[in-house]
Amino acid sequence: MGGRCFTHIFRRGASGAPPPVAHGEPDARLPLTRAQKANDVLAARIQKRPNRYAGLAHLPLHDPTAAADELAGCVHEFDFRGAMINGHSRGHYLDEEIYSPFWERVQDLEVPIYLYPCDPYDMPHMYLGRPELLGATWS
């Protein structure tokens, strides 16, 4: 799936994006505001050179419905190519039922989702004292 996913992202015009900015926030009220601001800034930068750059949306996964709405807005208003998200939001993993509205919207929009590598929410005992096991395996 990895090759197909990246092919789809690149076919839609994305060539890279900064890491998500709203996922680790403990205050559930702030991620939507931060994601919207990041998306506005990214859209403004892309507008300066639209033939060179494309965007992946930052999404507030603390609230899956708000994340779905923000993704739809970014795709329709800014022509973003998809989104980049972490594999969990404050310990809630993406296969939980609460994310169904988000995944349904992703499917309706037909855009790719890039999962940004992140550490697990709870630290497994086997990782203690082994920092080389944390983060992306290729780092």
N, C-alpha and C. Protein backbone atom coordinates (compact mmCIF):
# COMPACT_ATOMS: atom_id res chain seq x y z
N MET A 1 0.81 -1.20 0.00
CA MET A 1 0.00 0.00 0.00
C MET A 1 0.85 1.25 0.00
N GLY A 2 2.03 1.23 0.62
CA GLY A 2 2.85 2.42 0.73
C GLY A 2 3.15 3.07 -0.60
N GLY A 3 3.57 2.27 -1.59
CA GLY A 3 3.89 2.82 -2.90
C GLY A 3 2.69 3.45 -3.56
N ARG A 4 1.54 2.78 -3.49
CA ARG A 4 0.31 3.34 -4.08
C ARG A 4 -0.08 4.63 -3.39
N CYS A 5 0.04 4.66 -2.06
CA CYS A 5 -0.35 5.86 -1.32
C CYS A 5 0.49 7.05 -1.76
N PHE A 6 1.82 6.87 -1.81
CA PHE A 6 2.68 7.98 -2.21
C PHE A 6 2.45 8.36 -3.66
N THR A 7 2.19 7.37 -4.50
CA THR A 7 1.90 7.68 -5.90
C THR A 7 0.66 8.56 -5.98
N HIS A 8 -0.35 8.24 -5.20
CA HIS A 8 -1.59 9.03 -5.19
C HIS A 8 -1.33 10.45 -4.68
N ILE A 9 -0.55 10.57 -3.62
CA ILE A 9 -0.23 11.90 -3.08
C ILE A 9 0.50 12.72 -4.14
N PHE A 10 1.53 12.14 -4.75
CA PHE A 10 2.29 12.89 -5.73
C PHE A 10 1.48 13.18 -6.99
N ARG A 11 0.62 12.26 -7.37
CA ARG A 11 -0.24 12.50 -8.53
C ARG A 11 -1.16 13.68 -8.26
N ARG A 12 -1.58 13.84 -7.00
CA ARG A 12 -2.44 14.98 -6.63
C ARG A 12 -1.60 16.25 -6.48
N GLY A 13 -0.28 16.16 -6.53
CA GLY A 13 0.54 17.35 -6.58
C GLY A 13 1.32 17.68 -5.33
N ALA A 14 1.28 16.88 -4.31
CA ALA A 14 2.00 17.19 -3.07
C ALA A 14 3.44 16.73 -3.18
N SER A 15 4.35 17.54 -2.64
CA SER A 15 5.75 17.14 -2.65
C SER A 15 6.36 17.15 -1.26
N GLY A 16 5.59 17.44 -0.25
CA GLY A 16 6.10 17.45 1.11
C GLY A 16 5.33 18.45 1.94
N ALA A 17 5.44 18.33 3.24
CA ALA A 17 4.74 19.22 4.15
C ALA A 17 5.37 19.12 5.52
N PRO A 18 5.19 20.14 6.36
CA PRO A 18 5.73 20.08 7.71
C PRO A 18 4.92 19.14 8.58
N PRO A 19 5.47 18.69 9.72
CA PRO A 19 4.74 17.77 10.58
C PRO A 19 3.50 18.42 11.21
N PRO A 20 2.56 17.59 11.65
CA PRO A 20 1.34 18.11 12.26
C PRO A 20 1.63 19.00 13.46
N VAL A 21 0.77 20.00 13.69
CA VAL A 21 1.01 20.96 14.77
C VAL A 21 0.01 20.88 15.90
N ALA A 22 -1.08 20.17 15.76
CA ALA A 22 -2.14 20.24 16.75
C ALA A 22 -2.34 18.96 17.55
N HIS A 23 -1.62 17.90 17.27
CA HIS A 23 -1.95 16.60 17.84
C HIS A 23 -1.59 16.42 19.30
N GLY A 24 -0.50 16.98 19.76
CA GLY A 24 -0.06 16.73 21.12
C GLY A 24 -0.65 17.65 22.16
N GLU A 25 -1.49 18.56 21.75
CA GLU A 25 -2.04 19.57 22.66
C GLU A 25 -2.97 18.93 23.70
N PRO A 26 -2.67 19.10 24.98
CA PRO A 26 -3.55 18.52 26.01
C PRO A 26 -4.88 19.25 26.16
N ASP A 27 -4.94 20.53 25.83
CA ASP A 27 -6.19 21.30 25.93
C ASP A 27 -6.99 21.07 24.65
N ALA A 28 -8.12 20.39 24.76
CA ALA A 28 -8.91 19.99 23.60
C ALA A 28 -9.52 21.17 22.85
N ARG A 29 -9.50 22.37 23.42
CA ARG A 29 -10.08 23.54 22.75
C ARG A 29 -9.13 24.18 21.75
N LEU A 30 -7.85 23.96 21.90
CA LEU A 30 -6.86 24.66 21.07
C LEU A 30 -6.55 24.04 19.71
N PRO A 31 -6.63 22.74 19.53
CA PRO A 31 -6.19 22.16 18.25
C PRO A 31 -6.91 22.69 17.01
N LEU A 32 -8.21 22.94 17.09
CA LEU A 32 -8.92 23.44 15.90
C LEU A 32 -8.36 24.80 15.49
N THR A 33 -8.20 25.69 16.45
CA THR A 33 -7.66 27.02 16.16
C THR A 33 -6.25 26.93 15.58
N ARG A 34 -5.43 26.09 16.19
CA ARG A 34 -4.05 25.94 15.71
C ARG A 34 -4.01 25.32 14.31
N ALA A 35 -4.83 24.32 14.09
CA ALA A 35 -4.86 23.68 12.76
C ALA A 35 -5.33 24.68 11.71
N GLN A 36 -6.38 25.44 12.01
CA GLN A 36 -6.88 26.42 11.05
C GLN A 36 -5.81 27.46 10.72
N LYS A 37 -5.13 27.93 11.74
CA LYS A 37 -4.08 28.92 11.52
C LYS A 37 -2.95 28.34 10.67
N ALA A 38 -2.53 27.11 10.98
CA ALA A 38 -1.47 26.47 10.20
C ALA A 38 -1.90 26.28 8.75
N ASN A 39 -3.14 25.88 8.55
CA ASN A 39 -3.64 25.69 7.18
C ASN A 39 -3.73 27.01 6.44
N ASP A 40 -4.15 28.07 7.10
CA ASP A 40 -4.20 29.40 6.47
C ASP A 40 -2.81 29.87 6.06
N VAL A 41 -1.85 29.69 6.95
CA VAL A 41 -0.46 30.10 6.65
C VAL A 41 0.08 29.28 5.48
N LEU A 42 -0.14 27.97 5.53
CA LEU A 42 0.33 27.11 4.44
C LEU A 42 -0.32 27.48 3.11
N ALA A 43 -1.62 27.75 3.13
CA ALA A 43 -2.32 28.13 1.90
C ALA A 43 -1.76 29.44 1.33
N ALA A 44 -1.47 30.39 2.20
CA ALA A 44 -0.91 31.67 1.75
C ALA A 44 0.46 31.47 1.11
N ARG A 45 1.27 30.61 1.68
CA ARG A 45 2.59 30.34 1.12
C ARG A 45 2.48 29.63 -0.23
N ILE A 46 1.57 28.70 -0.31
CA ILE A 46 1.37 27.95 -1.56
C ILE A 46 0.89 28.89 -2.66
N GLN A 47 0.03 29.84 -2.32
CA GLN A 47 -0.51 30.79 -3.31
C GLN A 47 0.59 31.56 -4.01
N LYS A 48 1.71 31.78 -3.33
CA LYS A 48 2.81 32.52 -3.93
C LYS A 48 3.47 31.74 -5.07
N ARG A 49 3.45 30.41 -4.98
CA ARG A 49 4.07 29.57 -6.01
C ARG A 49 3.25 28.30 -6.19
N PRO A 50 2.04 28.42 -6.69
CA PRO A 50 1.15 27.25 -6.79
C PRO A 50 1.64 26.17 -7.76
N ASN A 51 2.50 26.53 -8.68
CA ASN A 51 3.03 25.52 -9.59
C ASN A 51 4.16 24.72 -8.95
N ARG A 52 4.66 25.22 -7.83
CA ARG A 52 5.78 24.57 -7.14
C ARG A 52 5.35 23.78 -5.91
N TYR A 53 4.32 24.29 -5.19
CA TYR A 53 3.95 23.70 -3.91
C TYR A 53 2.49 23.25 -3.88
N ALA A 54 2.22 22.29 -3.01
CA ALA A 54 0.87 21.83 -2.72
C ALA A 54 0.82 21.54 -1.23
N GLY A 55 -0.38 21.44 -0.68
CA GLY A 55 -0.48 21.29 0.77
C GLY A 55 -1.18 20.04 1.23
N LEU A 56 -0.79 19.61 2.42
CA LEU A 56 -1.49 18.59 3.17
C LEU A 56 -2.02 19.27 4.43
N ALA A 57 -3.28 19.09 4.71
CA ALA A 57 -3.94 19.79 5.83
C ALA A 57 -3.46 19.27 7.18
N HIS A 58 -3.40 20.21 8.12
CA HIS A 58 -3.23 19.88 9.54
C HIS A 58 -4.63 19.75 10.11
N LEU A 59 -4.88 18.71 10.89
CA LEU A 59 -6.24 18.45 11.35
C LEU A 59 -6.32 18.29 12.86
N PRO A 60 -7.40 18.79 13.46
CA PRO A 60 -7.60 18.69 14.91
C PRO A 60 -8.29 17.39 15.29
N LEU A 61 -7.55 16.31 15.37
CA LEU A 61 -8.16 15.00 15.60
C LEU A 61 -8.75 14.83 17.00
N HIS A 62 -8.57 15.81 17.87
CA HIS A 62 -9.25 15.76 19.17
C HIS A 62 -10.76 15.69 18.96
N ASP A 63 -11.21 16.29 17.87
CA ASP A 63 -12.64 16.32 17.51
C ASP A 63 -12.75 15.81 16.07
N PRO A 64 -13.07 14.55 15.88
CA PRO A 64 -13.08 13.97 14.54
C PRO A 64 -14.02 14.67 13.56
N THR A 65 -15.15 15.16 14.04
CA THR A 65 -16.07 15.87 13.14
C THR A 65 -15.46 17.19 12.70
N ALA A 66 -14.85 17.91 13.63
CA ALA A 66 -14.17 19.17 13.27
C ALA A 66 -13.00 18.88 12.31
N ALA A 67 -12.31 17.78 12.53
CA ALA A 67 -11.20 17.40 11.63
C ALA A 67 -11.73 17.13 10.23
N ALA A 68 -12.86 16.44 10.14
CA ALA A 68 -13.47 16.16 8.83
C ALA A 68 -13.88 17.45 8.14
N ASP A 69 -14.47 18.37 8.90
CA ASP A 69 -14.88 19.66 8.32
C ASP A 69 -13.68 20.48 7.87
N GLU A 70 -12.62 20.49 8.67
CA GLU A 70 -11.42 21.23 8.31
C GLU A 70 -10.78 20.63 7.05
N LEU A 71 -10.74 19.32 6.97
CA LEU A 71 -10.20 18.68 5.78
C LEU A 71 -11.00 19.06 4.54
N ALA A 72 -12.32 18.99 4.64
CA ALA A 72 -13.17 19.34 3.48
C ALA A 72 -12.94 20.80 3.08
N GLY A 73 -12.84 21.68 4.06
CA GLY A 73 -12.58 23.09 3.75
C GLY A 73 -11.25 23.29 3.07
N CYS A 74 -10.22 22.60 3.56
CA CYS A 74 -8.89 22.73 2.97
C CYS A 74 -8.84 22.18 1.54
N VAL A 75 -9.52 21.08 1.31
CA VAL A 75 -9.54 20.49 -0.03
C VAL A 75 -10.30 21.39 -0.99
N HIS A 76 -11.46 21.88 -0.58
CA HIS A 76 -12.29 22.68 -1.48
C HIS A 76 -11.82 24.13 -1.61
N GLU A 77 -11.44 24.74 -0.50
CA GLU A 77 -11.07 26.17 -0.53
C GLU A 77 -9.62 26.39 -0.96
N PHE A 78 -8.71 25.55 -0.45
CA PHE A 78 -7.28 25.75 -0.70
C PHE A 78 -6.70 24.77 -1.72
N ASP A 79 -7.48 23.82 -2.19
CA ASP A 79 -7.02 22.79 -3.11
C ASP A 79 -5.89 21.95 -2.50
N PHE A 80 -5.96 21.74 -1.17
CA PHE A 80 -4.99 20.85 -0.54
C PHE A 80 -5.20 19.44 -1.07
N ARG A 81 -4.15 18.65 -1.06
CA ARG A 81 -4.16 17.34 -1.69
C ARG A 81 -4.58 16.21 -0.75
N GLY A 82 -4.69 16.47 0.52
CA GLY A 82 -5.02 15.47 1.52
C GLY A 82 -4.65 16.01 2.88
N ALA A 83 -4.23 15.11 3.77
CA ALA A 83 -3.85 15.54 5.12
C ALA A 83 -2.72 14.67 5.64
N MET A 84 -2.03 15.20 6.65
CA MET A 84 -1.01 14.45 7.36
C MET A 84 -1.40 14.45 8.82
N ILE A 85 -1.49 13.26 9.39
CA ILE A 85 -1.93 13.13 10.78
C ILE A 85 -1.04 12.13 11.51
N ASN A 86 -1.07 12.20 12.83
CA ASN A 86 -0.39 11.19 13.65
C ASN A 86 -1.26 9.94 13.74
N GLY A 87 -0.67 8.86 14.20
CA GLY A 87 -1.39 7.61 14.33
C GLY A 87 -2.32 7.55 15.52
N HIS A 88 -2.27 8.57 16.38
CA HIS A 88 -3.18 8.65 17.52
C HIS A 88 -3.33 10.11 17.92
N SER A 89 -4.36 10.37 18.68
CA SER A 89 -4.57 11.70 19.25
C SER A 89 -4.85 11.52 20.73
N ARG A 90 -3.89 11.87 21.54
CA ARG A 90 -3.99 11.74 23.00
C ARG A 90 -4.42 10.34 23.42
N GLY A 91 -3.85 9.34 22.77
CA GLY A 91 -4.11 7.96 23.15
C GLY A 91 -5.30 7.32 22.46
N HIS A 92 -6.03 8.06 21.66
CA HIS A 92 -7.12 7.49 20.88
C HIS A 92 -6.56 7.16 19.50
N TYR A 93 -6.65 5.88 19.15
CA TYR A 93 -6.09 5.43 17.89
C TYR A 93 -7.13 5.50 16.77
N LEU A 94 -6.66 5.60 15.55
CA LEU A 94 -7.49 5.95 14.40
C LEU A 94 -8.51 4.90 13.99
N ASP A 95 -8.43 3.71 14.56
CA ASP A 95 -9.42 2.69 14.23
C ASP A 95 -10.58 2.67 15.23
N GLU A 96 -10.60 3.61 16.17
CA GLU A 96 -11.70 3.68 17.13
C GLU A 96 -12.95 4.25 16.46
N GLU A 97 -14.09 3.84 16.96
CA GLU A 97 -15.39 4.24 16.40
C GLU A 97 -15.56 5.76 16.33
N ILE A 98 -14.97 6.49 17.25
CA ILE A 98 -15.14 7.96 17.26
C ILE A 98 -14.60 8.60 15.99
N TYR A 99 -13.72 7.90 15.27
CA TYR A 99 -13.15 8.46 14.03
C TYR A 99 -13.94 8.11 12.78
N SER A 100 -15.03 7.39 12.91
CA SER A 100 -15.82 7.02 11.73
C SER A 100 -16.26 8.22 10.90
N PRO A 101 -16.76 9.32 11.52
CA PRO A 101 -17.15 10.48 10.69
C PRO A 101 -15.96 11.05 9.89
N PHE A 102 -14.80 11.01 10.49
CA PHE A 102 -13.60 11.51 9.80
C PHE A 102 -13.29 10.63 8.59
N TRP A 103 -13.24 9.31 8.79
CA TRP A 103 -12.88 8.40 7.70
C TRP A 103 -13.93 8.40 6.59
N GLU A 104 -15.19 8.57 6.96
CA GLU A 104 -16.24 8.66 5.93
C GLU A 104 -16.03 9.89 5.05
N ARG A 105 -15.66 11.01 5.67
CA ARG A 105 -15.42 12.24 4.90
C ARG A 105 -14.19 12.08 4.02
N VAL A 106 -13.15 11.47 4.55
CA VAL A 106 -11.95 11.21 3.75
C VAL A 106 -12.32 10.40 2.51
N GLN A 107 -13.12 9.38 2.71
CA GLN A 107 -13.54 8.55 1.58
C GLN A 107 -14.36 9.36 0.58
N ASP A 108 -15.27 10.20 1.06
CA ASP A 108 -16.08 11.03 0.16
C ASP A 108 -15.22 12.00 -0.63
N LEU A 109 -14.19 12.56 0.00
CA LEU A 109 -13.32 13.52 -0.65
C LEU A 109 -12.32 12.86 -1.60
N GLU A 110 -12.09 11.57 -1.40
CA GLU A 110 -11.13 10.81 -2.21
C GLU A 110 -9.74 11.43 -2.19
N VAL A 111 -9.27 11.72 -0.97
CA VAL A 111 -7.92 12.27 -0.80
C VAL A 111 -7.10 11.32 0.07
N PRO A 112 -5.79 11.32 -0.11
CA PRO A 112 -4.94 10.46 0.71
C PRO A 112 -4.70 11.05 2.10
N ILE A 113 -4.42 10.18 3.04
CA ILE A 113 -4.02 10.57 4.39
C ILE A 113 -2.64 9.98 4.63
N TYR A 114 -1.71 10.86 4.96
CA TYR A 114 -0.35 10.43 5.28
C TYR A 114 -0.25 10.32 6.80
N LEU A 115 0.14 9.15 7.29
CA LEU A 115 0.32 8.96 8.73
C LEU A 115 1.75 9.32 9.10
N TYR A 116 1.88 10.39 9.87
CA TYR A 116 3.18 10.88 10.31
C TYR A 116 3.67 9.99 11.46
N PRO A 117 4.90 9.51 11.40
CA PRO A 117 5.40 8.64 12.46
C PRO A 117 5.45 9.37 13.80
N CYS A 118 4.92 8.75 14.81
CA CYS A 118 4.98 9.34 16.15
C CYS A 118 5.15 8.24 17.17
N ASP A 119 5.59 8.63 18.35
CA ASP A 119 5.76 7.67 19.43
C ASP A 119 4.40 7.20 19.91
N PRO A 120 4.33 6.00 20.48
CA PRO A 120 3.06 5.54 21.02
C PRO A 120 2.63 6.41 22.19
N TYR A 121 1.34 6.44 22.44
CA TYR A 121 0.81 7.24 23.54
C TYR A 121 1.28 6.71 24.88
N ASP A 122 1.18 5.41 25.05
CA ASP A 122 1.67 4.79 26.29
C ASP A 122 2.99 4.11 25.97
N MET A 123 3.96 4.28 26.83
CA MET A 123 5.31 3.78 26.58
C MET A 123 5.40 2.31 26.99
N PRO A 124 5.51 1.40 26.03
CA PRO A 124 5.67 -0.01 26.39
C PRO A 124 6.96 -0.23 27.19
N HIS A 125 6.90 -1.15 28.11
CA HIS A 125 8.05 -1.45 28.98
C HIS A 125 9.30 -1.78 28.16
N MET A 126 9.13 -2.45 27.04
CA MET A 126 10.30 -2.86 26.24
C MET A 126 11.06 -1.66 25.67
N TYR A 127 10.45 -0.46 25.65
CA TYR A 127 11.12 0.72 25.12
C TYR A 127 11.94 1.47 26.17
N LEU A 128 11.70 1.18 27.44
CA LEU A 128 12.39 1.90 28.51
C LEU A 128 13.90 1.69 28.40
N GLY A 129 14.62 2.81 28.41
CA GLY A 129 16.07 2.75 28.30
C GLY A 129 16.58 2.45 26.91
N ARG A 130 15.71 2.44 25.92
CA ARG A 130 16.09 2.15 24.53
C ARG A 130 15.58 3.26 23.61
N PRO A 131 16.15 4.45 23.70
CA PRO A 131 15.64 5.58 22.89
C PRO A 131 15.72 5.33 21.39
N GLU A 132 16.58 4.42 20.96
CA GLU A 132 16.69 4.14 19.53
C GLU A 132 15.44 3.46 18.98
N LEU A 133 14.58 2.96 19.86
CA LEU A 133 13.33 2.33 19.43
C LEU A 133 12.20 3.34 19.27
N LEU A 134 12.42 4.57 19.70
CA LEU A 134 11.38 5.59 19.62
C LEU A 134 11.45 6.34 18.29
N GLY A 135 10.35 6.90 17.88
CA GLY A 135 10.30 7.69 16.66
C GLY A 135 10.32 6.83 15.41
N ALA A 136 10.56 7.49 14.31
CA ALA A 136 10.59 6.80 13.02
C ALA A 136 11.78 5.83 12.99
N THR A 137 11.55 4.66 12.46
CA THR A 137 12.61 3.64 12.45
C THR A 137 13.78 4.02 11.56
N TRP A 138 13.58 4.94 10.64
CA TRP A 138 14.66 5.33 9.73
C TRP A 138 15.43 6.55 10.21
N SER A 139 15.05 7.10 11.38
CA SER A 139 15.74 8.32 11.86
C SER A 139 17.03 7.98 12.58
